[in-house]
Amino acid sequence: MKGTRAFSGILMVLLLAGAGSVISQEKSAPAQAAYAYDQSAQQTVRGWVVSGRDFQCPVSGTLGSHITVKTETGTIEVHLAPASFMKQYEILIRKDDNVTVVGSRITFEGKPALIAKSIVIGRDTYNFRDPKGKPLW
């Protein structure tokens, strides 16, 4: 009888742990779905990089690399790719780089932003998504 109670207790702990994991995944899935790449919202932005940083990103769900680009009409936050992808392919974007970004327009934290599909810096083109907008990582 004691063995059955112990087994039941362990089983209950495992079930609760699994339920917590599912609930956690359900909370993060809608946030990521809200930032899906939308080809109908695709646009090209040209400008200069004013800053870059990595932070936990709701768009990619990972530690993501981001840049702020100054255009003729203002600034825009550009969500590039997970920081690990940037490091793996040695993609380094510097302040004052002149860039052309193709991406899907979104609103992030109440401001216009882009989910980058590709970025051109000088003669180099870096692709983050395939032609349909699916991530390359």
N, C-alpha and C. Protein backbone atom coordinates (compact mmCIF):
# COMPACT_ATOMS: atom_id res chain seq x y z
N MET A 1 0.82 -1.19 0.00
CA MET A 1 0.00 0.00 0.00
C MET A 1 0.86 1.25 0.00
N LYS A 2 1.95 1.24 0.82
CA LYS A 2 2.84 2.39 0.85
C LYS A 2 3.47 2.60 -0.51
N GLY A 3 3.83 1.51 -1.19
CA GLY A 3 4.44 1.61 -2.52
C GLY A 3 3.48 2.22 -3.52
N THR A 4 2.20 1.89 -3.40
CA THR A 4 1.20 2.43 -4.31
C THR A 4 1.03 3.93 -4.08
N ARG A 5 1.02 4.37 -2.81
CA ARG A 5 0.90 5.80 -2.51
C ARG A 5 2.11 6.56 -3.00
N ALA A 6 3.29 5.99 -2.80
CA ALA A 6 4.51 6.65 -3.26
C ALA A 6 4.49 6.77 -4.78
N PHE A 7 4.09 5.69 -5.47
CA PHE A 7 4.01 5.73 -6.93
C PHE A 7 2.98 6.76 -7.38
N SER A 8 1.83 6.81 -6.70
CA SER A 8 0.79 7.78 -7.04
C SER A 8 1.28 9.20 -6.83
N GLY A 9 2.02 9.40 -5.75
CA GLY A 9 2.57 10.74 -5.47
C GLY A 9 3.56 11.15 -6.55
N ILE A 10 4.44 10.26 -6.96
CA ILE A 10 5.41 10.56 -8.02
C ILE A 10 4.69 10.83 -9.33
N LEU A 11 3.70 10.02 -9.63
CA LEU A 11 2.93 10.19 -10.85
C LEU A 11 2.24 11.56 -10.86
N MET A 12 1.68 11.96 -9.72
CA MET A 12 1.00 13.26 -9.63
C MET A 12 1.99 14.39 -9.85
N VAL A 13 3.18 14.30 -9.27
CA VAL A 13 4.20 15.34 -9.45
C VAL A 13 4.58 15.44 -10.93
N LEU A 14 4.77 14.31 -11.59
CA LEU A 14 5.13 14.32 -13.01
C LEU A 14 4.01 14.91 -13.86
N LEU A 15 2.77 14.56 -13.55
CA LEU A 15 1.64 15.12 -14.30
C LEU A 15 1.54 16.63 -14.11
N LEU A 16 1.72 17.10 -12.88
CA LEU A 16 1.66 18.54 -12.64
C LEU A 16 2.81 19.27 -13.34
N ALA A 17 3.98 18.67 -13.34
CA ALA A 17 5.13 19.28 -14.02
C ALA A 17 4.86 19.37 -15.52
N GLY A 18 4.29 18.32 -16.08
CA GLY A 18 3.96 18.31 -17.51
C GLY A 18 2.89 19.33 -17.83
N ALA A 19 1.90 19.47 -16.97
CA ALA A 19 0.82 20.44 -17.20
C ALA A 19 1.38 21.85 -17.15
N GLY A 20 2.30 22.11 -16.22
CA GLY A 20 2.93 23.43 -16.14
C GLY A 20 3.69 23.75 -17.41
N SER A 21 4.35 22.76 -17.97
CA SER A 21 5.09 22.96 -19.22
C SER A 21 4.15 23.28 -20.37
N VAL A 22 3.04 22.59 -20.45
CA VAL A 22 2.06 22.82 -21.50
C VAL A 22 1.46 24.22 -21.36
N ILE A 23 1.11 24.61 -20.14
CA ILE A 23 0.55 25.94 -19.91
C ILE A 23 1.57 27.00 -20.31
N SER A 24 2.82 26.80 -19.95
CA SER A 24 3.88 27.74 -20.31
C SER A 24 4.00 27.86 -21.82
N GLN A 25 3.94 26.74 -22.55
CA GLN A 25 4.05 26.77 -24.00
C GLN A 25 2.84 27.47 -24.61
N GLU A 26 1.66 27.26 -24.03
CA GLU A 26 0.46 27.89 -24.57
C GLU A 26 0.54 29.40 -24.42
N LYS A 27 1.14 29.88 -23.33
CA LYS A 27 1.25 31.32 -23.13
C LYS A 27 2.21 31.95 -24.13
N SER A 28 3.30 31.26 -24.47
CA SER A 28 4.27 31.85 -25.39
C SER A 28 3.87 31.67 -26.84
N ALA A 29 3.11 30.67 -27.18
CA ALA A 29 2.75 30.43 -28.58
C ALA A 29 1.94 31.57 -29.19
N PRO A 30 0.91 32.11 -28.52
CA PRO A 30 0.16 33.19 -29.14
C PRO A 30 1.02 34.43 -29.37
N ALA A 31 1.95 34.73 -28.46
CA ALA A 31 2.81 35.90 -28.63
C ALA A 31 3.65 35.73 -29.89
N GLN A 32 4.21 34.54 -30.10
CA GLN A 32 5.02 34.31 -31.29
C GLN A 32 4.14 34.31 -32.54
N ALA A 33 2.94 33.76 -32.46
CA ALA A 33 2.05 33.72 -33.62
C ALA A 33 1.65 35.13 -34.04
N ALA A 34 1.54 36.04 -33.09
CA ALA A 34 1.17 37.42 -33.41
C ALA A 34 2.25 38.10 -34.25
N TYR A 35 3.44 37.57 -34.24
CA TYR A 35 4.56 38.16 -34.97
C TYR A 35 5.01 37.28 -36.14
N ALA A 36 4.10 36.51 -36.70
CA ALA A 36 4.44 35.67 -37.84
C ALA A 36 4.77 36.54 -39.05
N TYR A 37 5.65 36.03 -39.92
CA TYR A 37 6.03 36.77 -41.12
C TYR A 37 4.84 36.82 -42.07
N ASP A 38 4.47 38.00 -42.49
CA ASP A 38 3.32 38.21 -43.37
C ASP A 38 3.82 38.81 -44.68
N GLN A 39 3.82 38.00 -45.75
CA GLN A 39 4.33 38.49 -47.04
C GLN A 39 3.53 39.67 -47.58
N SER A 40 2.27 39.76 -47.24
CA SER A 40 1.47 40.89 -47.73
C SER A 40 1.88 42.20 -47.05
N ALA A 41 2.59 42.12 -45.94
CA ALA A 41 3.06 43.32 -45.24
C ALA A 41 4.55 43.57 -45.51
N GLN A 42 5.10 42.90 -46.52
CA GLN A 42 6.53 43.02 -46.82
C GLN A 42 6.85 44.40 -47.42
N GLN A 43 7.96 44.96 -47.00
CA GLN A 43 8.41 46.23 -47.53
C GLN A 43 9.92 46.32 -47.46
N THR A 44 10.48 47.31 -48.14
CA THR A 44 11.92 47.54 -48.14
C THR A 44 12.19 48.88 -47.46
N VAL A 45 13.16 48.86 -46.55
CA VAL A 45 13.53 50.06 -45.80
C VAL A 45 15.03 50.29 -46.01
N ARG A 46 15.39 51.54 -46.28
CA ARG A 46 16.80 51.91 -46.44
C ARG A 46 17.16 52.94 -45.38
N GLY A 47 18.38 52.80 -44.84
CA GLY A 47 18.82 53.76 -43.84
C GLY A 47 20.15 53.39 -43.24
N TRP A 48 20.42 53.96 -42.06
CA TRP A 48 21.68 53.74 -41.36
C TRP A 48 21.40 53.14 -40.00
N VAL A 49 22.26 52.23 -39.60
CA VAL A 49 22.13 51.58 -38.29
C VAL A 49 22.53 52.58 -37.22
N VAL A 50 21.64 52.82 -36.26
CA VAL A 50 21.96 53.71 -35.15
C VAL A 50 22.31 52.94 -33.89
N SER A 51 21.84 51.70 -33.79
CA SER A 51 22.20 50.86 -32.64
C SER A 51 21.86 49.41 -32.93
N GLY A 52 22.45 48.54 -32.16
CA GLY A 52 22.17 47.11 -32.24
C GLY A 52 22.25 46.50 -30.86
N ARG A 53 21.40 45.51 -30.63
CA ARG A 53 21.44 44.83 -29.32
C ARG A 53 20.76 43.48 -29.41
N ASP A 54 21.09 42.63 -28.47
CA ASP A 54 20.47 41.31 -28.34
C ASP A 54 19.60 41.33 -27.10
N PHE A 55 18.39 40.77 -27.22
CA PHE A 55 17.52 40.62 -26.06
C PHE A 55 16.55 39.47 -26.29
N GLN A 56 15.94 39.00 -25.20
CA GLN A 56 14.96 37.92 -25.29
C GLN A 56 13.79 38.42 -26.12
N CYS A 57 13.58 37.82 -27.26
CA CYS A 57 12.66 38.36 -28.25
C CYS A 57 11.37 37.55 -28.36
N PRO A 58 10.21 38.21 -28.27
CA PRO A 58 8.95 37.49 -28.45
C PRO A 58 8.70 37.09 -29.90
N VAL A 59 9.40 37.71 -30.84
CA VAL A 59 9.23 37.36 -32.25
C VAL A 59 9.85 36.01 -32.54
N SER A 60 11.13 35.83 -32.17
CA SER A 60 11.82 34.57 -32.45
C SER A 60 11.69 33.58 -31.30
N GLY A 61 11.35 34.06 -30.10
CA GLY A 61 11.27 33.20 -28.93
C GLY A 61 12.63 32.83 -28.36
N THR A 62 13.68 33.51 -28.81
CA THR A 62 15.04 33.22 -28.37
C THR A 62 15.74 34.54 -28.03
N LEU A 63 17.00 34.44 -27.64
CA LEU A 63 17.83 35.62 -27.52
C LEU A 63 18.05 36.09 -28.95
N GLY A 64 17.46 37.21 -29.32
CA GLY A 64 17.47 37.65 -30.70
C GLY A 64 18.33 38.88 -30.92
N SER A 65 18.84 39.02 -32.14
CA SER A 65 19.61 40.20 -32.53
C SER A 65 18.68 41.21 -33.21
N HIS A 66 18.85 42.47 -32.84
CA HIS A 66 17.99 43.54 -33.33
C HIS A 66 18.85 44.75 -33.66
N ILE A 67 18.39 45.53 -34.64
CA ILE A 67 19.04 46.79 -34.93
C ILE A 67 17.97 47.87 -35.02
N THR A 68 18.36 49.09 -34.78
CA THR A 68 17.50 50.23 -35.01
C THR A 68 18.06 50.95 -36.23
N VAL A 69 17.19 51.18 -37.20
CA VAL A 69 17.60 51.81 -38.46
C VAL A 69 16.94 53.19 -38.56
N LYS A 70 17.78 54.18 -38.87
CA LYS A 70 17.27 55.54 -39.10
C LYS A 70 17.01 55.68 -40.59
N THR A 71 15.76 56.03 -40.92
CA THR A 71 15.36 56.23 -42.32
C THR A 71 15.07 57.72 -42.52
N GLU A 72 14.65 58.07 -43.71
CA GLU A 72 14.29 59.47 -43.99
C GLU A 72 13.08 59.91 -43.18
N THR A 73 12.24 58.96 -42.78
CA THR A 73 11.00 59.30 -42.07
C THR A 73 11.03 59.03 -40.57
N GLY A 74 12.12 58.49 -40.05
CA GLY A 74 12.21 58.19 -38.62
C GLY A 74 13.07 56.98 -38.36
N THR A 75 12.84 56.32 -37.23
CA THR A 75 13.59 55.11 -36.91
C THR A 75 12.66 53.92 -36.84
N ILE A 76 13.23 52.74 -37.07
CA ILE A 76 12.44 51.51 -37.01
C ILE A 76 13.29 50.40 -36.41
N GLU A 77 12.68 49.62 -35.53
CA GLU A 77 13.32 48.45 -34.92
C GLU A 77 13.24 47.30 -35.91
N VAL A 78 14.37 46.62 -36.13
CA VAL A 78 14.41 45.49 -37.06
C VAL A 78 14.81 44.24 -36.29
N HIS A 79 13.94 43.24 -36.32
CA HIS A 79 14.19 41.95 -35.70
C HIS A 79 14.89 41.08 -36.74
N LEU A 80 16.17 40.72 -36.48
CA LEU A 80 16.97 40.01 -37.47
C LEU A 80 16.81 38.50 -37.37
N ALA A 81 17.39 37.92 -36.32
CA ALA A 81 17.45 36.46 -36.17
C ALA A 81 17.95 36.15 -34.76
N PRO A 82 17.87 34.88 -34.35
CA PRO A 82 18.47 34.53 -33.06
C PRO A 82 19.96 34.89 -33.06
N ALA A 83 20.44 35.32 -31.90
CA ALA A 83 21.85 35.71 -31.77
C ALA A 83 22.77 34.54 -32.14
N SER A 84 22.36 33.31 -31.86
CA SER A 84 23.18 32.14 -32.21
C SER A 84 23.33 32.00 -33.73
N PHE A 85 22.29 32.32 -34.49
CA PHE A 85 22.33 32.28 -35.96
C PHE A 85 23.31 33.34 -36.47
N MET A 86 23.22 34.53 -35.90
CA MET A 86 24.12 35.63 -36.29
C MET A 86 25.58 35.24 -36.03
N LYS A 87 25.82 34.63 -34.89
CA LYS A 87 27.19 34.23 -34.53
C LYS A 87 27.67 33.09 -35.44
N GLN A 88 26.82 32.10 -35.68
CA GLN A 88 27.19 30.95 -36.50
C GLN A 88 27.64 31.38 -37.89
N TYR A 89 26.96 32.36 -38.47
CA TYR A 89 27.28 32.80 -39.82
C TYR A 89 28.14 34.07 -39.84
N GLU A 90 28.63 34.45 -38.67
CA GLU A 90 29.53 35.59 -38.52
C GLU A 90 28.96 36.85 -39.16
N ILE A 91 27.69 37.09 -38.88
CA ILE A 91 27.02 38.29 -39.39
C ILE A 91 27.21 39.40 -38.36
N LEU A 92 27.95 40.41 -38.76
CA LEU A 92 28.25 41.53 -37.87
C LEU A 92 27.72 42.81 -38.50
N ILE A 93 26.81 43.45 -37.83
CA ILE A 93 26.24 44.69 -38.31
C ILE A 93 26.65 45.78 -37.34
N ARG A 94 27.24 46.84 -37.89
CA ARG A 94 27.82 47.89 -37.05
C ARG A 94 27.01 49.18 -37.13
N LYS A 95 27.17 49.98 -36.10
CA LYS A 95 26.58 51.31 -36.09
C LYS A 95 27.10 52.08 -37.31
N ASP A 96 26.23 52.83 -37.93
CA ASP A 96 26.51 53.66 -39.11
C ASP A 96 26.60 52.87 -40.42
N ASP A 97 26.38 51.53 -40.38
CA ASP A 97 26.30 50.78 -41.63
C ASP A 97 25.09 51.28 -42.42
N ASN A 98 25.27 51.47 -43.72
CA ASN A 98 24.17 51.81 -44.61
C ASN A 98 23.51 50.49 -45.00
N VAL A 99 22.22 50.33 -44.71
CA VAL A 99 21.55 49.04 -44.91
C VAL A 99 20.28 49.19 -45.74
N THR A 100 19.94 48.10 -46.42
CA THR A 100 18.64 47.95 -47.07
C THR A 100 18.03 46.69 -46.49
N VAL A 101 16.89 46.83 -45.86
CA VAL A 101 16.24 45.70 -45.18
C VAL A 101 14.93 45.39 -45.89
N VAL A 102 14.73 44.12 -46.23
CA VAL A 102 13.44 43.64 -46.73
C VAL A 102 12.83 42.87 -45.57
N GLY A 103 11.60 43.24 -45.20
CA GLY A 103 10.98 42.57 -44.08
C GLY A 103 9.48 42.78 -44.02
N SER A 104 8.87 42.11 -43.07
CA SER A 104 7.43 42.18 -42.84
C SER A 104 7.15 43.20 -41.74
N ARG A 105 6.29 44.13 -42.04
CA ARG A 105 5.95 45.19 -41.10
C ARG A 105 5.07 44.63 -39.98
N ILE A 106 5.43 44.95 -38.75
CA ILE A 106 4.64 44.59 -37.57
C ILE A 106 4.59 45.80 -36.65
N THR A 107 3.80 45.70 -35.61
CA THR A 107 3.84 46.68 -34.53
C THR A 107 4.39 45.96 -33.32
N PHE A 108 5.47 46.49 -32.75
CA PHE A 108 6.13 45.88 -31.61
C PHE A 108 6.23 46.92 -30.51
N GLU A 109 5.66 46.61 -29.36
CA GLU A 109 5.62 47.52 -28.21
C GLU A 109 5.04 48.88 -28.62
N GLY A 110 3.99 48.83 -29.47
CA GLY A 110 3.29 50.04 -29.87
C GLY A 110 3.97 50.86 -30.96
N LYS A 111 5.08 50.36 -31.50
CA LYS A 111 5.82 51.11 -32.52
C LYS A 111 5.99 50.25 -33.77
N PRO A 112 6.14 50.90 -34.95
CA PRO A 112 6.39 50.12 -36.16
C PRO A 112 7.73 49.40 -36.07
N ALA A 113 7.76 48.18 -36.61
CA ALA A 113 8.98 47.38 -36.61
C ALA A 113 8.96 46.48 -37.84
N LEU A 114 10.08 45.82 -38.08
CA LEU A 114 10.19 44.88 -39.19
C LEU A 114 10.73 43.55 -38.70
N ILE A 115 10.20 42.46 -39.26
CA ILE A 115 10.82 41.15 -39.11
C ILE A 115 11.64 40.98 -40.39
N ALA A 116 12.95 40.96 -40.26
CA ALA A 116 13.82 40.96 -41.43
C ALA A 116 13.77 39.63 -42.19
N LYS A 117 13.68 39.73 -43.49
CA LYS A 117 13.81 38.59 -44.39
C LYS A 117 15.24 38.57 -44.93
N SER A 118 15.75 39.76 -45.27
CA SER A 118 17.14 39.88 -45.72
C SER A 118 17.63 41.29 -45.43
N ILE A 119 18.94 41.42 -45.43
CA ILE A 119 19.55 42.73 -45.23
C ILE A 119 20.76 42.82 -46.15
N VAL A 120 20.92 43.98 -46.79
CA VAL A 120 22.06 44.22 -47.67
C VAL A 120 22.91 45.30 -47.02
N ILE A 121 24.20 44.99 -46.90
CA ILE A 121 25.18 45.95 -46.39
C ILE A 121 26.31 45.98 -47.41
N GLY A 122 26.44 47.08 -48.11
CA GLY A 122 27.45 47.16 -49.17
C GLY A 122 27.15 46.12 -50.24
N ARG A 123 28.12 45.24 -50.48
CA ARG A 123 27.94 44.17 -51.49
C ARG A 123 27.48 42.85 -50.88
N ASP A 124 27.29 42.83 -49.56
CA ASP A 124 26.91 41.60 -48.87
C ASP A 124 25.41 41.56 -48.61
N THR A 125 24.80 40.41 -48.90
CA THR A 125 23.39 40.17 -48.61
C THR A 125 23.30 39.03 -47.61
N TYR A 126 22.57 39.25 -46.53
CA TYR A 126 22.35 38.23 -45.52
C TYR A 126 20.87 37.88 -45.51
N ASN A 127 20.57 36.60 -45.65
CA ASN A 127 19.19 36.13 -45.66
C ASN A 127 18.85 35.48 -44.33
N PHE A 128 17.71 35.85 -43.79
CA PHE A 128 17.23 35.30 -42.52
C PHE A 128 16.01 34.42 -42.71
N ARG A 129 15.34 34.56 -43.85
CA ARG A 129 14.13 33.80 -44.14
C ARG A 129 14.13 33.38 -45.59
N ASP A 130 13.41 32.30 -45.89
CA ASP A 130 13.33 31.83 -47.27
C ASP A 130 12.33 32.71 -48.04
N PRO A 131 12.14 32.48 -49.35
CA PRO A 131 11.23 33.33 -50.13
C PRO A 131 9.79 33.41 -49.60
N LYS A 132 9.35 32.40 -48.85
CA LYS A 132 8.00 32.42 -48.28
C LYS A 132 7.95 33.02 -46.88
N GLY A 133 9.12 33.41 -46.34
CA GLY A 133 9.17 34.02 -45.02
C GLY A 133 9.48 33.05 -43.89
N LYS A 134 9.75 31.78 -44.21
CA LYS A 134 10.06 30.80 -43.17
C LYS A 134 11.50 31.03 -42.67
N PRO A 135 11.72 31.03 -41.35
CA PRO A 135 13.06 31.24 -40.81
C PRO A 135 14.08 30.22 -41.34
N LEU A 136 15.29 30.66 -41.55
CA LEU A 136 16.37 29.78 -42.02
C LEU A 136 17.14 29.14 -40.87
N TRP A 137 16.74 29.40 -39.64
CA TRP A 137 17.42 28.77 -38.50
C TRP A 137 16.63 27.62 -37.96
